[in-house]
Every structure is written in structure tokens, then in C-alpha cells.
N, C-alpha and C. Protein backbone atom coordinates (compact mmCIF):
# COMPACT_ATOMS: atom_id res chain seq x y z
N MET A 1 -106.42 -110.95 -133.25
CA MET A 1 -105.36 -111.45 -132.39
C MET A 1 -104.48 -110.27 -131.98
N SER A 2 -104.30 -110.07 -130.70
CA SER A 2 -103.51 -108.93 -130.24
C SER A 2 -102.04 -109.33 -130.09
N GLU A 3 -101.19 -108.36 -130.32
CA GLU A 3 -99.75 -108.58 -130.22
C GLU A 3 -99.34 -108.48 -128.75
N THR A 4 -98.50 -109.38 -128.31
CA THR A 4 -98.00 -109.34 -126.94
C THR A 4 -97.08 -108.14 -126.78
N GLU A 5 -97.33 -107.37 -125.74
CA GLU A 5 -96.49 -106.20 -125.50
C GLU A 5 -95.16 -106.63 -124.91
N ILE A 6 -94.10 -106.00 -125.38
CA ILE A 6 -92.75 -106.29 -124.88
C ILE A 6 -92.48 -105.34 -123.72
N LEU A 7 -92.13 -105.90 -122.58
CA LEU A 7 -91.84 -105.09 -121.40
C LEU A 7 -90.32 -104.99 -121.23
N PRO A 8 -89.77 -103.80 -121.50
CA PRO A 8 -88.31 -103.65 -121.40
C PRO A 8 -87.83 -103.58 -119.95
N ASP A 9 -86.61 -104.04 -119.74
CA ASP A 9 -85.97 -103.92 -118.43
C ASP A 9 -85.35 -102.54 -118.26
N GLU A 10 -84.92 -101.94 -119.36
CA GLU A 10 -84.33 -100.60 -119.36
C GLU A 10 -84.76 -99.87 -120.63
N LYS A 11 -84.75 -98.53 -120.55
CA LYS A 11 -85.07 -97.69 -121.71
C LYS A 11 -84.00 -96.61 -121.85
N ILE A 12 -83.65 -96.29 -123.09
CA ILE A 12 -82.77 -95.15 -123.35
C ILE A 12 -83.34 -94.34 -124.50
N ASP A 13 -83.03 -93.06 -124.51
CA ASP A 13 -83.45 -92.15 -125.57
C ASP A 13 -82.18 -91.61 -126.22
N ILE A 14 -81.98 -91.94 -127.49
CA ILE A 14 -80.78 -91.48 -128.20
C ILE A 14 -81.14 -90.56 -129.37
N THR A 15 -82.29 -89.90 -129.26
CA THR A 15 -82.71 -88.99 -130.33
C THR A 15 -81.87 -87.72 -130.39
N ASP A 16 -81.09 -87.47 -129.34
CA ASP A 16 -80.29 -86.24 -129.29
C ASP A 16 -78.85 -86.45 -129.75
N VAL A 17 -78.52 -87.65 -130.25
CA VAL A 17 -77.15 -87.91 -130.71
C VAL A 17 -77.17 -88.44 -132.14
N THR A 18 -76.02 -88.38 -132.81
CA THR A 18 -75.91 -88.82 -134.19
C THR A 18 -74.98 -90.04 -134.28
N CYS A 19 -75.04 -90.72 -135.43
CA CYS A 19 -74.16 -91.87 -135.67
C CYS A 19 -72.72 -91.38 -135.68
N PRO A 20 -71.76 -92.11 -135.17
CA PRO A 20 -71.86 -93.46 -134.62
C PRO A 20 -72.15 -93.50 -133.11
N ILE A 21 -72.37 -92.35 -132.49
CA ILE A 21 -72.63 -92.32 -131.05
C ILE A 21 -73.92 -93.04 -130.71
N THR A 22 -74.86 -93.11 -131.64
CA THR A 22 -76.12 -93.83 -131.38
C THR A 22 -75.83 -95.28 -131.02
N PHE A 23 -74.95 -95.93 -131.77
CA PHE A 23 -74.63 -97.33 -131.47
C PHE A 23 -73.80 -97.43 -130.19
N VAL A 24 -72.89 -96.49 -129.98
CA VAL A 24 -72.05 -96.52 -128.77
C VAL A 24 -72.94 -96.47 -127.52
N LYS A 25 -73.91 -95.55 -127.49
CA LYS A 25 -74.80 -95.43 -126.33
C LYS A 25 -75.65 -96.70 -126.17
N THR A 26 -76.10 -97.27 -127.29
CA THR A 26 -76.88 -98.51 -127.22
C THR A 26 -76.03 -99.65 -126.68
N LYS A 27 -74.80 -99.76 -127.15
CA LYS A 27 -73.89 -100.82 -126.70
C LYS A 27 -73.60 -100.69 -125.21
N VAL A 28 -73.35 -99.48 -124.73
CA VAL A 28 -73.08 -99.26 -123.31
C VAL A 28 -74.30 -99.68 -122.47
N ALA A 29 -75.50 -99.32 -122.93
CA ALA A 29 -76.71 -99.69 -122.20
C ALA A 29 -76.88 -101.22 -122.18
N LEU A 30 -76.60 -101.88 -123.29
CA LEU A 30 -76.70 -103.34 -123.34
C LEU A 30 -75.68 -103.99 -122.42
N ASP A 31 -74.47 -103.42 -122.35
CA ASP A 31 -73.42 -103.97 -121.49
C ASP A 31 -73.84 -103.97 -120.02
N GLU A 32 -74.73 -103.06 -119.64
CA GLU A 32 -75.16 -102.96 -118.25
C GLU A 32 -76.29 -103.94 -117.91
N LEU A 33 -76.86 -104.59 -118.93
CA LEU A 33 -77.95 -105.53 -118.70
C LEU A 33 -77.43 -106.95 -118.50
N GLU A 34 -78.26 -107.78 -117.89
CA GLU A 34 -77.98 -109.20 -117.77
C GLU A 34 -78.41 -109.88 -119.06
N ASN A 35 -77.83 -111.03 -119.37
CA ASN A 35 -78.25 -111.79 -120.55
C ASN A 35 -79.73 -112.09 -120.46
N GLY A 36 -80.43 -111.91 -121.57
CA GLY A 36 -81.86 -112.18 -121.62
C GLY A 36 -82.73 -110.97 -121.33
N GLN A 37 -82.14 -109.91 -120.78
CA GLN A 37 -82.93 -108.71 -120.49
C GLN A 37 -83.18 -107.93 -121.78
N ILE A 38 -84.17 -107.05 -121.73
CA ILE A 38 -84.60 -106.31 -122.91
C ILE A 38 -84.37 -104.82 -122.74
N LEU A 39 -83.79 -104.22 -123.78
CA LEU A 39 -83.53 -102.78 -123.83
C LEU A 39 -84.45 -102.15 -124.87
N GLN A 40 -85.12 -101.07 -124.48
CA GLN A 40 -85.93 -100.29 -125.42
C GLN A 40 -85.15 -99.04 -125.76
N VAL A 41 -84.95 -98.81 -127.06
CA VAL A 41 -84.18 -97.66 -127.53
C VAL A 41 -85.10 -96.75 -128.33
N HIS A 42 -85.20 -95.49 -127.93
CA HIS A 42 -85.97 -94.47 -128.65
C HIS A 42 -84.97 -93.75 -129.55
N LEU A 43 -85.15 -93.84 -130.88
CA LEU A 43 -84.17 -93.27 -131.78
C LEU A 43 -84.84 -92.67 -133.01
N ASN A 44 -84.05 -91.89 -133.74
CA ASN A 44 -84.53 -91.20 -134.94
C ASN A 44 -84.51 -92.13 -136.15
N GLY A 45 -85.24 -91.69 -137.19
CA GLY A 45 -85.19 -92.39 -138.47
C GLY A 45 -83.88 -92.08 -139.18
N GLY A 46 -83.77 -92.53 -140.41
CA GLY A 46 -82.55 -92.28 -141.18
C GLY A 46 -81.43 -93.21 -140.76
N GLU A 47 -80.23 -92.64 -140.64
CA GLU A 47 -79.06 -93.45 -140.29
C GLU A 47 -79.22 -94.24 -139.00
N PRO A 48 -79.74 -93.64 -137.90
CA PRO A 48 -79.84 -94.42 -136.66
C PRO A 48 -80.68 -95.69 -136.81
N ILE A 49 -81.84 -95.60 -137.44
CA ILE A 49 -82.70 -96.78 -137.54
C ILE A 49 -82.15 -97.78 -138.56
N GLN A 50 -81.32 -97.32 -139.47
CA GLN A 50 -80.67 -98.24 -140.41
C GLN A 50 -79.48 -98.94 -139.75
N ASN A 51 -78.69 -98.20 -138.99
CA ASN A 51 -77.42 -98.72 -138.49
C ASN A 51 -77.49 -99.41 -137.14
N VAL A 52 -78.27 -98.89 -136.20
CA VAL A 52 -78.27 -99.46 -134.85
C VAL A 52 -78.79 -100.91 -134.85
N PRO A 53 -79.94 -101.22 -135.47
CA PRO A 53 -80.38 -102.62 -135.46
C PRO A 53 -79.36 -103.57 -136.10
N ARG A 54 -78.77 -103.15 -137.21
CA ARG A 54 -77.77 -103.99 -137.88
C ARG A 54 -76.55 -104.21 -136.98
N SER A 55 -76.12 -103.15 -136.32
CA SER A 55 -74.94 -103.26 -135.47
C SER A 55 -75.18 -104.15 -134.25
N VAL A 56 -76.37 -104.05 -133.64
CA VAL A 56 -76.63 -104.91 -132.48
C VAL A 56 -76.74 -106.37 -132.89
N LYS A 57 -77.29 -106.63 -134.09
CA LYS A 57 -77.33 -108.01 -134.60
C LYS A 57 -75.91 -108.52 -134.82
N ASP A 58 -75.04 -107.66 -135.37
CA ASP A 58 -73.65 -108.04 -135.60
C ASP A 58 -72.94 -108.37 -134.29
N GLU A 59 -73.39 -107.75 -133.19
CA GLU A 59 -72.82 -108.01 -131.87
C GLU A 59 -73.40 -109.28 -131.23
N GLY A 60 -74.38 -109.89 -131.91
CA GLY A 60 -74.95 -111.14 -131.41
C GLY A 60 -76.23 -111.00 -130.61
N HIS A 61 -76.82 -109.81 -130.58
CA HIS A 61 -78.06 -109.59 -129.84
C HIS A 61 -79.26 -109.77 -130.78
N THR A 62 -80.46 -109.84 -130.21
CA THR A 62 -81.66 -110.09 -130.99
C THR A 62 -82.55 -108.86 -131.02
N VAL A 63 -82.89 -108.41 -132.22
CA VAL A 63 -83.86 -107.33 -132.38
C VAL A 63 -85.25 -107.97 -132.33
N LEU A 64 -86.02 -107.64 -131.30
CA LEU A 64 -87.34 -108.22 -131.11
C LEU A 64 -88.42 -107.49 -131.89
N LYS A 65 -88.28 -106.16 -131.97
CA LYS A 65 -89.33 -105.37 -132.60
C LYS A 65 -88.79 -103.99 -132.95
N VAL A 66 -89.27 -103.45 -134.06
CA VAL A 66 -89.01 -102.07 -134.44
C VAL A 66 -90.38 -101.46 -134.73
N ALA A 67 -90.71 -100.37 -134.04
CA ALA A 67 -92.01 -99.73 -134.23
C ALA A 67 -91.81 -98.25 -134.51
N GLU A 68 -92.51 -97.75 -135.53
CA GLU A 68 -92.42 -96.32 -135.85
C GLU A 68 -93.47 -95.56 -135.07
N ASN A 69 -93.06 -94.44 -134.49
CA ASN A 69 -93.97 -93.55 -133.77
C ASN A 69 -94.57 -92.53 -134.73
N ALA A 70 -95.63 -91.88 -134.32
CA ALA A 70 -96.31 -90.88 -135.15
C ALA A 70 -95.41 -89.71 -135.52
N ASP A 71 -94.41 -89.41 -134.67
CA ASP A 71 -93.53 -88.26 -134.93
C ASP A 71 -92.33 -88.62 -135.81
N GLY A 72 -92.28 -89.85 -136.32
CA GLY A 72 -91.18 -90.25 -137.19
C GLY A 72 -89.99 -90.85 -136.46
N THR A 73 -90.05 -90.90 -135.13
CA THR A 73 -89.02 -91.59 -134.36
C THR A 73 -89.40 -93.07 -134.28
N PHE A 74 -88.51 -93.87 -133.71
CA PHE A 74 -88.73 -95.31 -133.63
C PHE A 74 -88.47 -95.83 -132.22
N GLU A 75 -89.09 -96.97 -131.92
CA GLU A 75 -88.81 -97.73 -130.71
C GLU A 75 -88.18 -99.05 -131.17
N LEU A 76 -87.01 -99.34 -130.65
CA LEU A 76 -86.28 -100.55 -130.98
C LEU A 76 -86.17 -101.39 -129.72
N PHE A 77 -86.60 -102.63 -129.78
CA PHE A 77 -86.53 -103.53 -128.63
C PHE A 77 -85.48 -104.59 -128.91
N ILE A 78 -84.50 -104.70 -128.01
CA ILE A 78 -83.36 -105.58 -128.20
C ILE A 78 -83.23 -106.52 -126.99
N ARG A 79 -83.08 -107.82 -127.26
CA ARG A 79 -82.79 -108.77 -126.18
C ARG A 79 -81.29 -108.98 -126.14
N LYS A 80 -80.70 -108.80 -124.97
CA LYS A 80 -79.27 -109.01 -124.82
C LYS A 80 -78.99 -110.51 -124.79
N ASN A 81 -78.10 -110.93 -125.65
CA ASN A 81 -77.66 -112.32 -125.69
C ASN A 81 -76.30 -112.43 -125.03
N GLU A 82 -75.87 -113.64 -124.81
CA GLU A 82 -74.59 -113.86 -124.13
C GLU A 82 -73.45 -113.17 -124.84
N ASP A 83 -72.51 -112.67 -124.04
CA ASP A 83 -71.34 -111.97 -124.60
C ASP A 83 -70.43 -112.95 -125.29
């Protein structure tokens, strides 16, 4: 059984920033989306992958998927929920 691919409406790369700016950039990108749209976030392991998913859930959004890349970075897929 194959997994359905998630098609993001927008993508951001935050591998060049550190916490807490990782969440700030993610929040700004989510603010620009319509409710129900999907944001793909390319981020580093460690603090970013621990904190960003938790923070977006705390803001009321849905983490659809977290996937680790071969280079140790991650892809985070977030559905924007109503403000």
C-alpha cells in the first residue's frame, strides 16, 4: 500500500536559522496561508525538529507528516487551521 503524497501550497527552508527564529519564520509563513492550506518546512534536526512541531500544534495547527531526509534534515508538513 503506497502512502499518499502531500502536496504543499507553500515551502520554506529554515535550515539557515536557529531557535527561536525557526518557529517565528514558520509562523509568519503560516500566517500568509489560507485556512486548510499546507506548508512544507525544511528544517534541521535537534532543537528545530523538537520545538517547531510542538509550537505549531500549540498554535492550533495540524502536523500532517514529519519525514527525515538522508542528510539528517527533516520535512515537516503542516495544515493551517482557523486562527
